[in-house]
Amino acid sequence: MAYVQRTVQCLSPSGLHRMAYNEWGAHDNPRVVVCVHGLTRNARDFDRLAAALAGHYRVICPDVVGRGCSGRLRDPAGYAIPQYVADMVTLLARLDVEAVDWVGTSMGGLIGMALAAQPGAPLRRLVLNDVGPLITQESLKRIGEYVGNDPTWVTLAEAERYVRAISAPFGPLSDADWHFLTETSVAQRTDGRWGFRYDPAIAAPFRAACGEQDIDLWPVYQAIACPTLVIRGAESDLLTRATWQRMGEVGPCAQLAEVAGVGHAPMFMDAAQIALVRDFLLAA
């Protein structure tokens, strides 16, 4: 099953920009799930999950602004959750449906949390993939060491070795999986070298927001009312076990699931991980 790539025009304080999104399944299916990727990733991360859900859902996988096939912001200060939420509201208006389900990995989960916490939010069910309302300073420091560095490589094989190294927490993926994750997240530039398909400027507001302490978003999480599933990589440094367990006790009192042998974050590339999401979404 293939997807159709579409775009929607969004607005920031610095002007208009285009957000690309991949659409899977029947365009007239009123049942919609939106899948949003992590900080430096892109919509193609959800190809296998989308293919598995497309018989039940219209599956929408956006490239958050500054990533993948989407445009870039004129003012890098806009690369933050408020702008991302605003863009997603524009996208939801384009979809013309009353409610959607949401699957968010890391940053995509934070966007989903921020949206779900709003009064009257159009989220029916929410899946948070290895992210929660307490984000550890340790994990922020690890991510900050590579985001925005903008390395380039002579060959795609060199790029893949780099991706394997910085993304080792994704877990024991196959060679084919690593090749896919690499070729969908890099592009060949005009000088012939390969580089990441995201704006290095996304790093500036990210680093500015990362101080010497954890980020506490518990009030946001506790405002969420829709049924929620929280999936944790058992070796994650971003979503601690204590935070994950508390997420099952307060706010939406989420269902909890854990993926052994994986850190930050499960990538929904195998049947067992896909089943966690599919079974939760289709339970209602």
Protein backbone atom coordinates (compact mmCIF):
# COMPACT_ATOMS: atom_id res chain seq x y z
CA MET A 1 0.00 0.00 0.00
CA ALA A 2 1.32 3.43 -0.97
CA TYR A 3 0.76 6.87 0.46
CA VAL A 4 -0.11 10.18 -1.17
CA GLN A 5 1.97 13.20 -0.20
CA ARG A 6 0.04 16.42 0.35
CA THR A 7 0.85 19.84 1.81
CA VAL A 8 -1.00 22.40 3.90
CA GLN A 9 -0.09 26.08 4.31
CA CYS A 10 0.55 27.18 7.89
CA LEU A 11 1.31 30.54 9.50
CA SER A 12 4.05 31.61 11.90
CA PRO A 13 4.94 35.11 13.16
CA SER A 14 7.66 35.22 10.48
CA GLY A 15 5.38 34.30 7.59
CA LEU A 16 3.77 31.36 5.78
CA HIS A 17 5.30 27.92 5.41
CA ARG A 18 4.25 24.61 3.89
CA MET A 19 3.87 21.48 5.99
CA ALA A 20 4.03 18.21 4.07
CA TYR A 21 2.11 15.14 5.17
CA ASN A 22 1.73 11.58 3.92
CA GLU A 23 -1.79 10.19 3.69
CA TRP A 24 -2.50 6.46 3.79
CA GLY A 25 -5.81 4.65 3.37
CA ALA A 26 -9.14 5.85 2.05
CA HIS A 27 -9.40 9.63 1.78
CA ASP A 28 -13.08 9.53 2.75
CA ASN A 29 -12.61 7.37 5.85
CA PRO A 30 -13.97 9.44 8.78
CA ARG A 31 -11.75 7.52 11.20
CA VAL A 32 -8.41 9.34 11.24
CA VAL A 33 -5.16 8.79 13.12
CA VAL A 34 -2.35 11.35 13.08
CA CYS A 35 1.20 10.04 13.63
CA VAL A 36 3.89 12.58 14.56
CA HIS A 37 7.62 11.90 14.70
CA GLY A 38 10.46 12.86 17.02
CA LEU A 39 12.77 15.88 17.10
CA THR A 40 15.06 15.11 14.14
CA ARG A 41 13.02 12.42 12.43
CA ASN A 42 10.27 12.57 9.80
CA ALA A 43 6.95 11.13 8.60
CA ARG A 44 8.51 8.08 6.97
CA ASP A 45 9.25 6.61 10.42
CA PHE A 46 5.61 5.52 10.48
CA ASP A 47 5.49 3.72 7.12
CA ARG A 48 5.04 0.25 8.59
CA LEU A 49 2.59 1.33 11.27
CA ALA A 50 0.62 3.32 8.71
CA ALA A 51 0.45 0.36 6.34
CA ALA A 52 -0.85 -1.82 9.18
CA LEU A 53 -3.52 0.73 10.14
CA ALA A 54 -4.58 1.91 6.68
CA GLY A 55 -7.29 -0.75 6.35
CA HIS A 56 -9.02 0.76 9.39
CA TYR A 57 -7.97 4.41 9.30
CA ARG A 58 -7.13 7.35 7.14
CA VAL A 59 -3.56 7.65 8.42
CA ILE A 60 -1.91 11.09 8.38
CA CYS A 61 1.86 11.37 8.93
CA PRO A 62 3.14 14.97 8.84
CA ASP A 63 6.68 16.24 8.52
CA VAL A 64 6.85 18.81 11.32
CA VAL A 65 8.06 22.16 9.96
CA GLY A 66 11.81 22.17 9.39
CA ARG A 67 11.93 18.42 8.81
CA GLY A 68 11.59 16.04 5.89
CA CYS A 69 9.71 17.54 2.95
CA SER A 70 8.22 20.46 4.89
CA GLY A 71 9.36 24.05 4.58
CA ARG A 72 11.62 25.87 7.02
CA LEU A 73 10.86 28.79 9.29
CA ARG A 74 12.41 32.17 8.55
CA ASP A 75 12.91 32.73 12.27
CA PRO A 76 14.42 29.65 14.00
CA ALA A 77 13.02 30.82 17.34
CA GLY A 78 9.69 29.45 16.13
CA TYR A 79 10.92 25.85 16.28
CA ALA A 80 9.03 25.08 19.49
CA ILE A 81 5.91 23.29 20.71
CA PRO A 82 3.51 26.30 20.42
CA GLN A 83 4.25 26.64 16.68
CA TYR A 84 4.02 22.89 16.13
CA VAL A 85 0.65 22.75 17.89
CA ALA A 86 -0.63 25.66 15.80
CA ASP A 87 0.47 23.88 12.62
CA MET A 88 -1.30 20.70 13.69
CA VAL A 89 -4.52 22.63 14.35
CA THR A 90 -4.28 23.92 10.77
CA LEU A 91 -3.73 20.36 9.56
CA LEU A 92 -6.74 19.06 11.51
CA ALA A 93 -8.89 21.78 9.94
CA ARG A 94 -7.72 20.61 6.51
CA LEU A 95 -8.70 17.02 7.33
CA ASP A 96 -12.28 18.17 8.05
CA VAL A 97 -13.11 15.59 10.72
CA GLU A 98 -14.60 16.00 14.17
CA ALA A 99 -11.97 14.00 16.06
CA VAL A 100 -8.72 12.13 15.48
CA ASP A 101 -6.60 9.57 17.26
CA TRP A 102 -2.96 10.57 17.86
CA VAL A 103 0.31 8.64 17.93
CA GLY A 104 3.31 10.72 18.96
CA THR A 105 6.93 9.67 19.33
CA SER A 106 9.02 11.86 21.66
CA MET A 107 8.46 15.42 20.35
CA GLY A 108 5.37 14.20 18.52
CA GLY A 109 4.03 13.00 21.85
CA LEU A 110 4.69 16.38 23.47
CA ILE A 111 2.73 18.03 20.66
CA GLY A 112 -0.08 15.54 21.25
CA MET A 113 -0.03 16.19 25.01
CA ALA A 114 -0.20 19.94 24.50
CA LEU A 115 -3.12 19.57 22.10
CA ALA A 116 -4.97 16.98 24.19
CA ALA A 117 -4.74 19.21 27.28
CA GLN A 118 -6.73 22.00 25.58
CA PRO A 119 -10.44 22.34 26.47
CA GLY A 120 -12.49 20.85 23.66
CA ALA A 121 -9.48 19.10 22.11
CA PRO A 122 -10.45 16.90 19.14
CA LEU A 123 -8.39 13.92 20.30
CA ARG A 124 -10.28 10.65 20.76
CA ARG A 125 -7.39 8.42 21.84
CA LEU A 126 -3.73 9.27 22.50
CA VAL A 127 -0.59 7.12 22.21
CA LEU A 128 2.56 8.58 23.77
CA ASN A 129 5.67 6.78 22.56
CA ASP A 130 8.53 7.04 25.07
CA VAL A 131 7.71 10.51 26.30
CA GLY A 132 5.92 11.92 29.29
CA PRO A 133 5.47 14.97 31.50
CA LEU A 134 8.92 14.74 33.09
CA ILE A 135 11.83 14.90 30.66
CA THR A 136 15.20 14.14 32.17
CA GLN A 137 18.11 16.55 31.92
CA GLU A 138 20.33 13.56 31.14
CA SER A 139 18.38 12.70 28.00
CA LEU A 140 18.20 16.33 26.89
CA LYS A 141 21.97 16.59 27.19
CA ARG A 142 22.44 13.42 25.11
CA ILE A 143 20.16 14.69 22.35
CA GLY A 144 21.75 18.14 22.45
CA GLU A 145 25.15 16.61 21.69
CA TYR A 146 24.14 15.75 18.13
CA VAL A 147 21.05 17.73 17.12
CA GLY A 148 21.91 20.61 14.80
CA ASN A 149 25.51 19.52 14.17
CA ASP A 150 24.71 19.07 10.44
CA PRO A 151 27.33 16.48 9.54
CA THR A 152 27.72 15.40 5.90
CA TRP A 153 29.07 12.21 4.34
CA VAL A 154 30.59 11.19 1.03
CA THR A 155 28.44 8.06 0.74
CA LEU A 156 25.10 6.79 1.94
CA ALA A 157 26.94 3.96 3.69
CA GLU A 158 28.86 6.51 5.78
CA ALA A 159 25.58 8.20 6.66
CA GLU A 160 24.12 4.88 7.77
CA ARG A 161 27.05 4.19 10.11
CA TYR A 162 26.42 7.57 11.74
CA VAL A 163 22.67 6.97 12.05
CA ARG A 164 23.30 3.56 13.62
CA ALA A 165 25.62 5.15 16.18
CA ILE A 166 23.44 8.05 17.31
CA SER A 167 20.22 6.01 17.10
CA ALA A 168 21.49 2.87 18.84
CA PRO A 169 18.77 3.25 21.53
CA PHE A 170 16.19 2.34 18.84
CA GLY A 171 17.12 -1.24 19.67
CA PRO A 172 18.07 -4.37 17.73
CA LEU A 173 16.90 -3.43 14.22
CA SER A 174 17.77 -5.39 11.09
CA ASP A 175 20.20 -4.18 8.44
CA ALA A 176 17.21 -3.47 6.20
CA ASP A 177 15.60 -1.40 8.97
CA TRP A 178 18.71 0.70 9.48
CA HIS A 179 19.08 1.26 5.75
CA PHE A 180 15.45 2.39 5.53
CA LEU A 181 15.76 4.78 8.48
CA THR A 182 18.89 6.25 6.90
CA GLU A 183 17.70 6.68 3.32
CA THR A 184 14.47 8.33 4.49
CA SER A 185 16.22 10.81 6.76
CA VAL A 186 19.10 12.00 4.56
CA ALA A 187 19.34 13.54 1.09
CA GLN A 188 22.12 14.21 -1.38
CA ARG A 189 23.07 17.87 -1.55
CA THR A 190 24.20 19.98 -4.48
CA ASP A 191 27.86 19.26 -3.70
CA GLY A 192 27.19 15.52 -3.90
CA ARG A 193 27.55 14.87 -0.18
CA TRP A 194 24.77 13.43 1.98
CA GLY A 195 23.20 15.28 4.91
CA PHE A 196 20.18 15.14 7.19
CA ARG A 197 16.79 16.32 5.92
CA TYR A 198 16.13 18.78 8.72
CA ASP A 199 16.98 22.40 9.39
CA PRO A 200 20.02 22.52 11.73
CA ALA A 201 18.47 25.65 13.21
CA ILE A 202 15.94 23.51 15.11
CA ALA A 203 18.74 23.02 17.64
CA ALA A 204 18.86 26.64 18.82
CA PRO A 205 15.52 26.82 20.68
CA PHE A 206 15.93 23.21 21.81
CA ARG A 207 19.23 23.95 23.50
CA ALA A 208 17.93 27.22 24.92
CA ALA A 209 15.09 25.35 26.59
CA CYS A 210 17.39 22.74 28.10
CA GLY A 211 18.73 24.03 31.36
CA GLU A 212 20.36 22.19 34.23
CA GLN A 213 17.19 20.47 35.42
CA ASP A 214 14.41 18.21 34.21
CA ILE A 215 11.44 19.65 32.31
CA ASP A 216 8.23 19.28 34.34
CA LEU A 217 4.96 19.16 32.37
CA TRP A 218 2.76 17.35 34.89
CA PRO A 219 0.04 20.05 34.86
CA VAL A 220 -0.29 19.55 31.09
CA TYR A 221 -0.54 15.77 31.42
CA GLN A 222 -3.07 15.98 34.25
CA ALA A 223 -5.36 18.11 32.04
CA ILE A 224 -5.68 15.29 29.49
CA ALA A 225 -9.01 13.48 29.55
CA CYS A 226 -8.95 11.15 26.54
CA PRO A 227 -7.96 7.46 26.84
CA THR A 228 -4.18 7.26 26.71
CA LEU A 229 -1.54 4.57 26.14
CA VAL A 230 2.07 5.21 27.16
CA ILE A 231 4.69 2.99 25.54
CA ARG A 232 8.15 3.01 27.12
CA GLY A 233 11.43 1.64 25.87
CA ALA A 234 12.62 -0.42 28.83
CA GLU A 235 16.09 1.18 28.63
CA SER A 236 14.87 4.73 27.97
CA ASP A 237 16.72 7.67 29.54
CA LEU A 238 14.01 10.15 28.49
CA LEU A 239 10.98 8.47 30.06
CA THR A 240 12.00 7.01 33.40
CA ARG A 241 10.22 4.01 34.89
CA ALA A 242 8.99 6.11 37.82
CA THR A 243 7.45 8.73 35.53
CA TRP A 244 5.91 6.05 33.32
CA GLN A 245 4.34 4.31 36.29
CA ARG A 246 2.93 7.55 37.69
CA MET A 247 1.37 8.29 34.28
CA GLY A 248 -0.82 5.27 34.90
CA GLU A 249 -2.06 6.70 38.20
CA VAL A 250 -2.85 10.39 37.52
CA GLY A 251 -4.47 12.48 34.80
CA PRO A 252 -5.89 10.14 32.15
CA CYS A 253 -4.55 7.12 34.13
CA ALA A 254 -2.92 5.75 31.01
CA GLN A 255 -2.58 2.15 30.01
CA LEU A 256 1.10 1.21 30.19
CA ALA A 257 3.24 -0.92 27.90
CA GLU A 258 6.98 -1.50 27.83
CA VAL A 259 9.28 -2.72 25.04
CA ALA A 260 12.25 -4.80 26.18
CA GLY A 261 15.71 -4.19 24.72
CA VAL A 262 14.87 -0.70 23.46
CA GLY A 263 15.76 2.76 24.76
CA HIS A 264 14.53 6.00 23.25
CA ALA A 265 12.44 5.17 21.33
CA PRO A 266 10.50 2.17 19.93
CA MET A 267 10.19 2.66 16.16
CA PHE A 268 7.12 0.49 15.36
CA MET A 269 9.02 -1.51 12.78
CA ASP A 270 8.14 -4.98 14.06
CA ALA A 271 4.84 -6.77 14.49
CA ALA A 272 4.83 -6.77 18.29
CA GLN A 273 5.35 -3.01 18.61
CA ILE A 274 2.79 -2.30 15.88
CA ALA A 275 0.27 -4.52 17.68
CA LEU A 276 0.55 -2.42 20.85
CA VAL A 277 -0.69 0.63 18.98
CA ARG A 278 -3.21 -1.12 16.72
CA ASP A 279 -4.89 -3.00 19.55
CA PHE A 280 -5.23 0.12 21.70
CA LEU A 281 -6.63 2.28 18.89
CA LEU A 282 -9.08 -0.33 17.67
CA ALA A 283 -10.32 -1.26 21.16
CA ALA A 284 -12.92 1.50 21.06
